[in-house]
Amino acid sequence: MLMCRDLARIASDYIDGELSTTSHLSVKMHLLMCGHCRTFIGNLRASIELLNAQSISNINDELLERIHHDIEAELRNRRAARPDS
């Protein structure tokens, strides 16, 4: 019997249709009996849809540059703060 933690590990593969027939049926059976996992799968599907709706082309180039700059600055700060540097 599939446990909730097992379903959580394979949830993306289930949604993407990448499970074997046996695994897919195990997930379906579990979802019939477990409302918490049905909610989890529903929330995961909704999250994927939202992420897909926000394509990278919608992101402002200036924002991307600022994020890149902030990440590089943080990496420099962490390297400088290491005692072995």
PDB file of N, CA and C in Angstrom:
ATOM      1  N   MET A   1       0.843  -1.185   0.000  1.00  0.00           N
ATOM      2  CA  MET A   1       0.000   0.000   0.000  1.00  0.00           C
ATOM      3  C   MET A   1       0.887   1.246   0.000  1.00  0.00           C
ATOM      4  N   LEU A   2       0.545   2.184  -0.825  1.00  0.00           N
ATOM      5  CA  LEU A   2       1.275   3.441  -0.950  1.00  0.00           C
ATOM      6  C   LEU A   2       0.999   4.317   0.265  1.00  0.00           C
ATOM      7  N   MET A   3       2.054   4.852   0.860  1.00  0.00           N
ATOM      8  CA  MET A   3       1.928   5.755   2.007  1.00  0.00           C
ATOM      9  C   MET A   3       1.958   7.198   1.507  1.00  0.00           C
ATOM     10  N   CYS A   4       1.471   8.123   2.336  1.00  0.00           N
ATOM     11  CA  CYS A   4       1.429   9.543   1.959  1.00  0.00           C
ATOM     12  C   CYS A   4       2.816  10.065   1.589  1.00  0.00           C
ATOM     13  N   ARG A   5       3.828   9.716   2.363  1.00  0.00           N
ATOM     14  CA  ARG A   5       5.179  10.200   2.077  1.00  0.00           C
ATOM     15  C   ARG A   5       5.683   9.655   0.738  1.00  0.00           C
ATOM     16  N   ASP A   6       5.262   8.429   0.379  1.00  0.00           N
ATOM     17  CA  ASP A   6       5.645   7.864  -0.917  1.00  0.00           C
ATOM     18  C   ASP A   6       4.973   8.626  -2.052  1.00  0.00           C
ATOM     19  N   LEU A   7       3.714   8.955  -1.861  1.00  0.00           N
ATOM     20  CA  LEU A   7       2.986   9.717  -2.867  1.00  0.00           C
ATOM     21  C   LEU A   7       3.628  11.087  -3.057  1.00  0.00           C
ATOM     22  N   ALA A   8       4.030  11.726  -1.967  1.00  0.00           N
ATOM     23  CA  ALA A   8       4.653  13.050  -2.061  1.00  0.00           C
ATOM     24  C   ALA A   8       5.923  12.995  -2.906  1.00  0.00           C
ATOM     25  N   ARG A   9       6.674  11.900  -2.810  1.00  0.00           N
ATOM     26  CA  ARG A   9       7.915  11.765  -3.574  1.00  0.00           C
ATOM     27  C   ARG A   9       7.671  11.600  -5.071  1.00  0.00           C
ATOM     28  N   ILE A  10       6.526  10.993  -5.433  1.00  0.00           N
ATOM     29  CA  ILE A  10       6.282  10.714  -6.854  1.00  0.00           C
ATOM     30  C   ILE A  10       5.155  11.564  -7.436  1.00  0.00           C
ATOM     31  N   ALA A  11       4.700  12.546  -6.683  1.00  0.00           N
ATOM     32  CA  ALA A  11       3.551  13.358  -7.115  1.00  0.00           C
ATOM     33  C   ALA A  11       3.802  14.048  -8.452  1.00  0.00           C
ATOM     34  N   SER A  12       4.972  14.622  -8.642  1.00  0.00           N
ATOM     35  CA  SER A  12       5.265  15.313  -9.904  1.00  0.00           C
ATOM     36  C   SER A  12       5.251  14.341 -11.075  1.00  0.00           C
ATOM     37  N   ASP A  13       5.833  13.173 -10.867  1.00  0.00           N
ATOM     38  CA  ASP A  13       5.816  12.166 -11.928  1.00  0.00           C
ATOM     39  C   ASP A  13       4.388  11.730 -12.238  1.00  0.00           C
ATOM     40  N   TYR A  14       3.560  11.620 -11.222  1.00  0.00           N
ATOM     41  CA  TYR A  14       2.147  11.269 -11.417  1.00  0.00           C
ATOM     42  C   TYR A  14       1.458  12.325 -12.270  1.00  0.00           C
ATOM     43  N   ILE A  15       1.625  13.582 -11.899  1.00  0.00           N
ATOM     44  CA  ILE A  15       0.981  14.674 -12.635  1.00  0.00           C
ATOM     45  C   ILE A  15       1.498  14.745 -14.064  1.00  0.00           C
ATOM     46  N   ASP A  16       2.789  14.497 -14.253  1.00  0.00           N
ATOM     47  CA  ASP A  16       3.394  14.555 -15.588  1.00  0.00           C
ATOM     48  C   ASP A  16       3.111  13.302 -16.421  1.00  0.00           C
ATOM     49  N   GLY A  17       2.457  12.299 -15.826  1.00  0.00           N
ATOM     50  CA  GLY A  17       2.144  11.073 -16.553  1.00  0.00           C
ATOM     51  C   GLY A  17       3.346  10.199 -16.807  1.00  0.00           C
ATOM     52  N   GLU A  18       4.327  10.248 -15.908  1.00  0.00           N
ATOM     53  CA  GLU A  18       5.573   9.521 -16.100  1.00  0.00           C
ATOM     54  C   GLU A  18       5.691   8.262 -15.241  1.00  0.00           C
ATOM     55  N   LEU A  19       4.612   7.839 -14.611  1.00  0.00           N
ATOM     56  CA  LEU A  19       4.648   6.641 -13.770  1.00  0.00           C
ATOM     57  C   LEU A  19       4.274   5.401 -14.582  1.00  0.00           C
ATOM     58  N   SER A  20       4.765   4.263 -14.125  1.00  0.00           N
ATOM     59  CA  SER A  20       4.337   3.004 -14.727  1.00  0.00           C
ATOM     60  C   SER A  20       2.850   2.814 -14.437  1.00  0.00           C
ATOM     61  N   THR A  21       2.230   1.922 -15.153  1.00  0.00           N
ATOM     62  CA  THR A  21       0.797   1.655 -14.948  1.00  0.00           C
ATOM     63  C   THR A  21       0.532   1.221 -13.516  1.00  0.00           C
ATOM     64  N   THR A  22       1.365   0.371 -12.977  1.00  0.00           N
ATOM     65  CA  THR A  22       1.187  -0.109 -11.609  1.00  0.00           C
ATOM     66  C   THR A  22       1.291   1.028 -10.607  1.00  0.00           C
ATOM     67  N   SER A  23       2.308   1.869 -10.748  1.00  0.00           N
ATOM     68  CA  SER A  23       2.476   3.001  -9.832  1.00  0.00           C
ATOM     69  C   SER A  23       1.331   3.994  -9.971  1.00  0.00           C
ATOM     70  N   HIS A  24       0.909   4.227 -11.205  1.00  0.00           N
ATOM     71  CA  HIS A  24      -0.206   5.143 -11.450  1.00  0.00           C
ATOM     72  C   HIS A  24      -1.475   4.644 -10.750  1.00  0.00           C
ATOM     73  N   LEU A  25      -1.739   3.359 -10.860  1.00  0.00           N
ATOM     74  CA  LEU A  25      -2.919   2.790 -10.200  1.00  0.00           C
ATOM     75  C   LEU A  25      -2.790   2.845  -8.680  1.00  0.00           C
ATOM     76  N   SER A  26      -1.585   2.653  -8.161  1.00  0.00           N
ATOM     77  CA  SER A  26      -1.367   2.758  -6.712  1.00  0.00           C
ATOM     78  C   SER A  26      -1.680   4.169  -6.227  1.00  0.00           C
ATOM     79  N   VAL A  27      -1.251   5.170  -6.990  1.00  0.00           N
ATOM     80  CA  VAL A  27      -1.543   6.561  -6.625  1.00  0.00           C
ATOM     81  C   VAL A  27      -3.048   6.795  -6.668  1.00  0.00           C
ATOM     82  N   LYS A  28      -3.712   6.328  -7.735  1.00  0.00           N
ATOM     83  CA  LYS A  28      -5.159   6.504  -7.859  1.00  0.00           C
ATOM     84  C   LYS A  28      -5.897   5.880  -6.666  1.00  0.00           C
ATOM     85  N   MET A  29      -5.500   4.685  -6.280  1.00  0.00           N
ATOM     86  CA  MET A  29      -6.137   4.010  -5.140  1.00  0.00           C
ATOM     87  C   MET A  29      -5.920   4.811  -3.861  1.00  0.00           C
ATOM     88  N   HIS A  30      -4.705   5.296  -3.671  1.00  0.00           N
ATOM     89  CA  HIS A  30      -4.404   6.076  -2.478  1.00  0.00           C
ATOM     90  C   HIS A  30      -5.242   7.354  -2.451  1.00  0.00           C
ATOM     91  N   LEU A  31      -5.351   8.015  -3.596  1.00  0.00           N
ATOM     92  CA  LEU A  31      -6.118   9.254  -3.664  1.00  0.00           C
ATOM     93  C   LEU A  31      -7.601   9.024  -3.388  1.00  0.00           C
ATOM     94  N   LEU A  32      -8.105   7.851  -3.743  1.00  0.00           N
ATOM     95  CA  LEU A  32      -9.508   7.527  -3.438  1.00  0.00           C
ATOM     96  C   LEU A  32      -9.756   7.487  -1.932  1.00  0.00           C
ATOM     97  N   MET A  33      -8.718   7.106  -1.186  1.00  0.00           N
ATOM     98  CA  MET A  33      -8.883   6.926   0.258  1.00  0.00           C
ATOM     99  C   MET A  33      -8.342   8.081   1.098  1.00  0.00           C
ATOM    100  N   CYS A  34      -7.543   8.964   0.520  1.00  0.00           N
ATOM    101  CA  CYS A  34      -6.852   9.969   1.327  1.00  0.00           C
ATOM    102  C   CYS A  34      -7.172  11.388   0.848  1.00  0.00           C
ATOM    103  N   GLY A  35      -8.009  12.063   1.585  1.00  0.00           N
ATOM    104  CA  GLY A  35      -8.379  13.430   1.251  1.00  0.00           C
ATOM    105  C   GLY A  35      -7.224  14.400   1.332  1.00  0.00           C
ATOM    106  N   HIS A  36      -6.315  14.169   2.271  1.00  0.00           N
ATOM    107  CA  HIS A  36      -5.151  15.057   2.407  1.00  0.00           C
ATOM    108  C   HIS A  36      -4.288  15.014   1.148  1.00  0.00           C
ATOM    109  N   CYS A  37      -4.074  13.827   0.623  1.00  0.00           N
ATOM    110  CA  CYS A  37      -3.258  13.700  -0.589  1.00  0.00           C
ATOM    111  C   CYS A  37      -4.001  14.225  -1.816  1.00  0.00           C
ATOM    112  N   ARG A  38      -5.326  14.074  -1.853  1.00  0.00           N
ATOM    113  CA  ARG A  38      -6.092  14.686  -2.945  1.00  0.00           C
ATOM    114  C   ARG A  38      -5.900  16.194  -2.935  1.00  0.00           C
ATOM    115  N   THR A  39      -5.943  16.788  -1.750  1.00  0.00           N
ATOM    116  CA  THR A  39      -5.715  18.226  -1.620  1.00  0.00           C
ATOM    117  C   THR A  39      -4.299  18.576  -2.048  1.00  0.00           C
ATOM    118  N   PHE A  40      -3.324  17.781  -1.615  1.00  0.00           N
ATOM    119  CA  PHE A  40      -1.925  18.009  -1.972  1.00  0.00           C
ATOM    120  C   PHE A  40      -1.738  17.987  -3.489  1.00  0.00           C
ATOM    121  N   ILE A  41      -2.287  16.965  -4.148  1.00  0.00           N
ATOM    122  CA  ILE A  41      -2.169  16.854  -5.603  1.00  0.00           C
ATOM    123  C   ILE A  41      -2.864  18.030  -6.284  1.00  0.00           C
ATOM    124  N   GLY A  42      -4.016  18.415  -5.789  1.00  0.00           N
ATOM    125  CA  GLY A  42      -4.728  19.561  -6.351  1.00  0.00           C
ATOM    126  C   GLY A  42      -3.933  20.840  -6.222  1.00  0.00           C
ATOM    127  N   ASN A  43      -3.333  21.043  -5.058  1.00  0.00           N
ATOM    128  CA  ASN A  43      -2.504  22.234  -4.843  1.00  0.00           C
ATOM    129  C   ASN A  43      -1.252  22.214  -5.723  1.00  0.00           C
ATOM    130  N   LEU A  44      -0.660  21.046  -5.873  1.00  0.00           N
ATOM    131  CA  LEU A  44       0.521  20.925  -6.726  1.00  0.00           C
ATOM    132  C   LEU A  44       0.165  21.235  -8.180  1.00  0.00           C
ATOM    133  N   ARG A  45      -0.962  20.704  -8.643  1.00  0.00           N
ATOM    134  CA  ARG A  45      -1.413  20.994 -10.017  1.00  0.00           C
ATOM    135  C   ARG A  45      -1.648  22.495 -10.203  1.00  0.00           C
ATOM    136  N   ALA A  46      -2.300  23.116  -9.228  1.00  0.00           N
ATOM    137  CA  ALA A  46      -2.576  24.556  -9.318  1.00  0.00           C
ATOM    138  C   ALA A  46      -1.269  25.344  -9.342  1.00  0.00           C
ATOM    139  N   SER A  47      -0.305  24.943  -8.533  1.00  0.00           N
ATOM    140  CA  SER A  47       0.999  25.626  -8.502  1.00  0.00           C
ATOM    141  C   SER A  47       1.703  25.507  -9.844  1.00  0.00           C
ATOM    142  N   ILE A  48       1.660  24.333 -10.430  1.00  0.00           N
ATOM    143  CA  ILE A  48       2.295  24.114 -11.735  1.00  0.00           C
ATOM    144  C   ILE A  48       1.629  24.984 -12.795  1.00  0.00           C
ATOM    145  N   GLU A  49       0.309  25.054 -12.760  1.00  0.00           N
ATOM    146  CA  GLU A  49      -0.414  25.889 -13.723  1.00  0.00           C
ATOM    147  C   GLU A  49      -0.037  27.361 -13.567  1.00  0.00           C
ATOM    148  N   LEU A  50       0.061  27.831 -12.324  1.00  0.00           N
ATOM    149  CA  LEU A  50       0.451  29.223 -12.095  1.00  0.00           C
ATOM    150  C   LEU A  50       1.856  29.505 -12.602  1.00  0.00           C
ATOM    151  N   LEU A  51       2.773  28.593 -12.325  1.00  0.00           N
ATOM    152  CA  LEU A  51       4.151  28.774 -12.792  1.00  0.00           C
ATOM    153  C   LEU A  51       4.224  28.764 -14.312  1.00  0.00           C
ATOM    154  N   ASN A  52       3.473  27.874 -14.931  1.00  0.00           N
ATOM    155  CA  ASN A  52       3.467  27.823 -16.392  1.00  0.00           C
ATOM    156  C   ASN A  52       2.861  29.083 -16.995  1.00  0.00           C
ATOM    157  N   ALA A  53       1.895  29.666 -16.314  1.00  0.00           N
ATOM    158  CA  ALA A  53       1.253  30.889 -16.806  1.00  0.00           C
ATOM    159  C   ALA A  53       2.205  32.079 -16.751  1.00  0.00           C
ATOM    160  N   GLN A  54       3.167  32.038 -15.859  1.00  0.00           N
ATOM    161  CA  GLN A  54       4.143  33.120 -15.713  1.00  0.00           C
ATOM    162  C   GLN A  54       5.412  32.744 -16.452  1.00  0.00           C
ATOM    163  N   SER A  55       5.399  32.895 -17.746  1.00  0.00           N
ATOM    164  CA  SER A  55       6.574  32.519 -18.533  1.00  0.00           C
ATOM    165  C   SER A  55       7.707  33.493 -18.266  1.00  0.00           C
ATOM    166  N   ILE A  56       8.908  33.063 -18.551  1.00  0.00           N
ATOM    167  CA  ILE A  56      10.097  33.882 -18.324  1.00  0.00           C
ATOM    168  C   ILE A  56      10.051  35.158 -19.162  1.00  0.00           C
ATOM    169  N   SER A  57       9.330  35.127 -20.274  1.00  0.00           N
ATOM    170  CA  SER A  57       9.259  36.318 -21.120  1.00  0.00           C
ATOM    171  C   SER A  57       8.493  37.455 -20.458  1.00  0.00           C
ATOM    172  N   ASN A  58       7.723  37.135 -19.432  1.00  0.00           N
ATOM    173  CA  ASN A  58       6.976  38.169 -18.719  1.00  0.00           C
ATOM    174  C   ASN A  58       7.824  38.907 -17.690  1.00  0.00           C
ATOM    175  N   ILE A  59       9.032  38.421 -17.462  1.00  0.00           N
ATOM    176  CA  ILE A  59       9.880  39.031 -16.440  1.00  0.00           C
ATOM    177  C   ILE A  59      10.676  40.171 -17.060  1.00  0.00           C
ATOM    178  N   ASN A  60      10.679  41.275 -16.389  1.00  0.00           N
ATOM    179  CA  ASN A  60      11.384  42.484 -16.809  1.00  0.00           C
ATOM    180  C   ASN A  60      12.895  42.233 -16.806  1.00  0.00           C
ATOM    181  N   ASP A  61      13.587  42.656 -17.884  1.00  0.00           N
ATOM    182  CA  ASP A  61      15.042  42.481 -17.975  1.00  0.00           C
ATOM    183  C   ASP A  61      15.777  43.176 -16.836  1.00  0.00           C
ATOM    184  N   GLU A  62      15.273  44.330 -16.431  1.00  0.00           N
ATOM    185  CA  GLU A  62      15.894  45.069 -15.327  1.00  0.00           C
ATOM    186  C   GLU A  62      15.804  44.270 -14.027  1.00  0.00           C
ATOM    187  N   LEU A  63      14.672  43.632 -13.803  1.00  0.00           N
ATOM    188  CA  LEU A  63      14.504  42.796 -12.617  1.00  0.00           C
ATOM    189  C   LEU A  63      15.480  41.625 -12.641  1.00  0.00           C
ATOM    190  N   LEU A  64      15.609  40.973 -13.792  1.00  0.00           N
ATOM    191  CA  LEU A  64      16.552  39.859 -13.906  1.00  0.00           C
ATOM    192  C   LEU A  64      17.983  40.309 -13.613  1.00  0.00           C
ATOM    193  N   GLU A  65      18.363  41.452 -14.132  1.00  0.00           N
ATOM    194  CA  GLU A  65      19.710  41.984 -13.896  1.00  0.00           C
ATOM    195  C   GLU A  65      19.925  42.279 -12.410  1.00  0.00           C
ATOM    196  N   ARG A  66      18.914  42.840 -11.754  1.00  0.00           N
ATOM    197  CA  ARG A  66      19.020  43.149 -10.330  1.00  0.00           C
ATOM    198  C   ARG A  66      19.148  41.866  -9.504  1.00  0.00           C
ATOM    199  N   ILE A  67      18.369  40.854  -9.861  1.00  0.00           N
ATOM    200  CA  ILE A  67      18.448  39.567  -9.153  1.00  0.00           C
ATOM    201  C   ILE A  67      19.835  38.964  -9.338  1.00  0.00           C
ATOM    202  N   HIS A  68      20.335  38.970 -10.568  1.00  0.00           N
ATOM    203  CA  HIS A  68      21.669  38.435 -10.862  1.00  0.00           C
ATOM    204  C   HIS A  68      22.729  39.174 -10.044  1.00  0.00           C
ATOM    205  N   HIS A  69      22.650  40.495 -10.015  1.00  0.00           N
ATOM    206  CA  HIS A  69      23.601  41.318  -9.256  1.00  0.00           C
ATOM    207  C   HIS A  69      23.527  40.982  -7.769  1.00  0.00           C
ATOM    208  N   ASP A  70      22.312  40.859  -7.223  1.00  0.00           N
ATOM    209  CA  ASP A  70      22.144  40.563  -5.800  1.00  0.00           C
ATOM    210  C   ASP A  70      22.704  39.192  -5.434  1.00  0.00           C
ATOM    211  N   ILE A  71      22.507  38.219  -6.309  1.00  0.00           N
ATOM    212  CA  ILE A  71      23.028  36.867  -6.051  1.00  0.00           C
ATOM    213  C   ILE A  71      24.552  36.892  -6.056  1.00  0.00           C
ATOM    214  N   GLU A  72      25.138  37.557  -7.047  1.00  0.00           N
ATOM    215  CA  GLU A  72      26.602  37.625  -7.098  1.00  0.00           C
ATOM    216  C   GLU A  72      27.171  38.354  -5.881  1.00  0.00           C
ATOM    217  N   ALA A  73      26.514  39.426  -5.452  1.00  0.00           N
ATOM    218  CA  ALA A  73      26.981  40.164  -4.272  1.00  0.00           C
ATOM    219  C   ALA A  73      26.902  39.275  -3.030  1.00  0.00           C
ATOM    220  N   GLU A  74      25.836  38.533  -2.891  1.00  0.00           N
ATOM    221  CA  GLU A  74      25.689  37.655  -1.729  1.00  0.00           C
ATOM    222  C   GLU A  74      26.753  36.560  -1.741  1.00  0.00           C
ATOM    223  N   LEU A  75      27.028  35.991  -2.910  1.00  0.00           N
ATOM    224  CA  LEU A  75      28.079  34.970  -3.005  1.00  0.00           C
ATOM    225  C   LEU A  75      29.441  35.543  -2.632  1.00  0.00           C
ATOM    226  N   ARG A  76      29.746  36.767  -3.096  1.00  0.00           N
ATOM    227  CA  ARG A  76      31.014  37.413  -2.724  1.00  0.00           C
ATOM    228  C   ARG A  76      31.093  37.625  -1.217  1.00  0.00           C
ATOM    229  N   ASN A  77      29.999  38.089  -0.615  1.00  0.00           N
ATOM    230  CA  ASN A  77      29.962  38.313   0.835  1.00  0.00           C
ATOM    231  C   ASN A  77      30.187  37.018   1.608  1.00  0.00           C
ATOM    232  N   ARG A  78      29.570  35.938   1.147  1.00  0.00           N
ATOM    233  CA  ARG A  78      29.738  34.659   1.849  1.00  0.00           C
ATOM    234  C   ARG A  78      31.163  34.144   1.723  1.00  0.00           C
ATOM    235  N   ARG A  79      31.742  34.305   0.534  1.00  0.00           N
ATOM    236  CA  ARG A  79      33.133  33.861   0.354  1.00  0.00           C
ATOM    237  C   ARG A  79      34.064  34.677   1.246  1.00  0.00           C
ATOM    238  N   ALA A  80      33.827  35.963   1.331  1.00  0.00           N
ATOM    239  CA  ALA A  80      34.680  36.841   2.133  1.00  0.00           C
ATOM    240  C   ALA A  80      34.533  36.547   3.622  1.00  0.00           C
ATOM    241  N   ALA A  81      33.376  36.086   4.046  1.00  0.00           N
ATOM    242  CA  ALA A  81      33.105  35.836   5.460  1.00  0.00           C
ATOM    243  C   ALA A  81      33.640  34.481   5.926  1.00  0.00           C
ATOM    244  N   ARG A  82      34.013  33.608   4.992  1.00  0.00           N
ATOM    245  CA  ARG A  82      34.528  32.287   5.377  1.00  0.00           C
ATOM    246  C   ARG A  82      35.888  32.428   6.065  1.00  0.00           C
ATOM    247  N   PRO A  83      36.074  31.738   7.178  1.00  0.00           N
ATOM    248  CA  PRO A  83      37.339  31.836   7.896  1.00  0.00           C
ATOM    249  C   PRO A  83      38.521  31.255   7.123  1.00  0.00           C
ATOM    250  N   ASP A  84      38.285  30.311   6.201  1.00  0.00           N
ATOM    251  CA  ASP A  84      39.365  29.679   5.466  1.00  0.00           C
ATOM    252  C   ASP A  84      39.718  30.428   4.191  1.00  0.00           C
ATOM    253  N   SER A  85      39.117  31.588   3.960  1.00  0.00           N
ATOM    254  CA  SER A  85      39.385  32.351   2.729  1.00  0.00           C
ATOM    255  C   SER A  85      40.651  33.166   2.853  1.00  0.00           C
TER     256      SER A  85
END
